Amino acid sequence: MDKEQVKIVSRFGYSITELPNTKRVPRMTYYTKNGEARTNLPADPYHLKFFLARGFTLKPPENSNKGE
């Protein structure tokens, strides 16, 4: 978590304790409507909702033209 995020959370009366040996943000591959893979994008709940709302999918679309 960066310093700005810590400041925002602190304003609401919470504190942050990072766990050792953990990844900061889970990552995954999303797919565009035409089947193009977008790798290593954030997969936390906020970003998952954000990318899915923009039309990305978690699996390549069946009608993609990739490989033709």
C-alpha atoms as a PDB file:
ATOM      1  CA  MET A   1       0.000   0.000   0.000  1.00  0.00           C
ATOM      2  CA  ASP A   2       1.441   3.388  -0.857  1.00  0.00           C
ATOM      3  CA  LYS A   3       1.612   6.414   1.429  1.00  0.00           C
ATOM      4  CA  GLU A   4      -1.398   8.123  -0.155  1.00  0.00           C
ATOM      5  CA  GLN A   5      -3.595   5.080   0.444  1.00  0.00           C
ATOM      6  CA  VAL A   6      -2.463   4.947   4.078  1.00  0.00           C
ATOM      7  CA  LYS A   7      -3.374   8.637   4.509  1.00  0.00           C
ATOM      8  CA  ILE A   8      -6.854   8.100   3.064  1.00  0.00           C
ATOM      9  CA  VAL A   9      -7.556   5.110   5.292  1.00  0.00           C
ATOM     10  CA  SER A  10      -6.153   6.935   8.337  1.00  0.00           C
ATOM     11  CA  ARG A  11      -8.620   9.793   7.856  1.00  0.00           C
ATOM     12  CA  PHE A  12     -11.422   7.325   8.545  1.00  0.00           C
ATOM     13  CA  GLY A  13      -9.823   6.146  11.789  1.00  0.00           C
ATOM     14  CA  TYR A  14      -8.328   2.890  10.509  1.00  0.00           C
ATOM     15  CA  SER A  15      -4.731   1.746  10.490  1.00  0.00           C
ATOM     16  CA  ILE A  16      -2.935  -0.522   8.051  1.00  0.00           C
ATOM     17  CA  THR A  17      -0.798  -3.513   8.963  1.00  0.00           C
ATOM     18  CA  GLU A  18       0.752  -5.243   5.999  1.00  0.00           C
ATOM     19  CA  LEU A  19       1.292  -8.962   6.256  1.00  0.00           C
ATOM     20  CA  PRO A  20       4.800 -10.226   5.485  1.00  0.00           C
ATOM     21  CA  ASN A  21       5.460 -12.333   2.402  1.00  0.00           C
ATOM     22  CA  THR A  22       2.204 -11.546   0.636  1.00  0.00           C
ATOM     23  CA  LYS A  23       1.568 -10.129  -2.806  1.00  0.00           C
ATOM     24  CA  ARG A  24       0.381  -6.558  -2.813  1.00  0.00           C
ATOM     25  CA  VAL A  25      -2.335  -6.928  -5.469  1.00  0.00           C
ATOM     26  CA  PRO A  26      -3.521 -10.138  -7.118  1.00  0.00           C
ATOM     27  CA  ARG A  27      -3.108 -10.086 -10.903  1.00  0.00           C
ATOM     28  CA  MET A  28      -4.933 -11.820 -13.736  1.00  0.00           C
ATOM     29  CA  THR A  29      -5.571 -11.772 -17.461  1.00  0.00           C
ATOM     30  CA  TYR A  30      -8.677 -10.093 -18.850  1.00  0.00           C
ATOM     31  CA  TYR A  31      -9.889 -10.341 -22.447  1.00  0.00           C
ATOM     32  CA  THR A  32     -11.289  -7.632 -24.701  1.00  0.00           C
ATOM     33  CA  LYS A  33     -14.396  -8.163 -26.825  1.00  0.00           C
ATOM     34  CA  ASN A  34     -12.226  -9.092 -29.808  1.00  0.00           C
ATOM     35  CA  GLY A  35     -10.292 -11.699 -27.777  1.00  0.00           C
ATOM     36  CA  GLU A  36      -7.120  -9.710 -27.125  1.00  0.00           C
ATOM     37  CA  ALA A  37      -5.505 -10.722 -23.826  1.00  0.00           C
ATOM     38  CA  ARG A  38      -4.635  -7.973 -21.331  1.00  0.00           C
ATOM     39  CA  THR A  39      -2.232  -9.617 -18.924  1.00  0.00           C
ATOM     40  CA  ASN A  40      -1.079  -8.733 -15.427  1.00  0.00           C
ATOM     41  CA  LEU A  41      -3.975  -6.400 -14.591  1.00  0.00           C
ATOM     42  CA  PRO A  42      -5.177  -5.948 -10.993  1.00  0.00           C
ATOM     43  CA  ALA A  43      -7.721  -8.514  -9.795  1.00  0.00           C
ATOM     44  CA  ASP A  44      -8.799  -7.095  -6.449  1.00  0.00           C
ATOM     45  CA  PRO A  45     -12.596  -6.677  -6.038  1.00  0.00           C
ATOM     46  CA  TYR A  46     -12.600  -3.004  -7.091  1.00  0.00           C
ATOM     47  CA  HIS A  47     -10.645  -3.577 -10.318  1.00  0.00           C
ATOM     48  CA  LEU A  48     -12.497  -6.783 -11.134  1.00  0.00           C
ATOM     49  CA  LYS A  49     -15.782  -4.879 -11.085  1.00  0.00           C
ATOM     50  CA  PHE A  50     -14.200  -1.960 -12.978  1.00  0.00           C
ATOM     51  CA  PHE A  51     -12.857  -4.085 -15.861  1.00  0.00           C
ATOM     52  CA  LEU A  52     -15.961  -6.269 -16.162  1.00  0.00           C
ATOM     53  CA  ALA A  53     -18.152  -3.145 -16.322  1.00  0.00           C
ATOM     54  CA  ARG A  54     -16.042  -1.964 -19.253  1.00  0.00           C
ATOM     55  CA  GLY A  55     -16.730  -5.112 -21.266  1.00  0.00           C
ATOM     56  CA  PHE A  56     -13.666  -7.176 -20.414  1.00  0.00           C
ATOM     57  CA  THR A  57     -14.174 -10.889 -19.749  1.00  0.00           C
ATOM     58  CA  LEU A  58     -12.261 -13.499 -17.761  1.00  0.00           C
ATOM     59  CA  LYS A  59     -12.281 -15.984 -20.632  1.00  0.00           C
ATOM     60  CA  PRO A  60     -11.650 -15.274 -24.319  1.00  0.00           C
ATOM     61  CA  PRO A  61     -14.920 -14.746 -26.209  1.00  0.00           C
ATOM     62  CA  GLU A  62     -15.959 -17.763 -28.245  1.00  0.00           C
ATOM     63  CA  ASN A  63     -16.461 -15.635 -31.351  1.00  0.00           C
ATOM     64  CA  SER A  64     -13.023 -13.984 -31.255  1.00  0.00           C
ATOM     65  CA  ASN A  65     -11.087 -13.872 -34.502  1.00  0.00           C
ATOM     66  CA  LYS A  66      -7.782 -14.798 -32.867  1.00  0.00           C
ATOM     67  CA  GLY A  67      -5.807 -17.456 -34.711  1.00  0.00           C
ATOM     68  CA  GLU A  68      -7.499 -17.042 -38.071  1.00  0.00           C
END
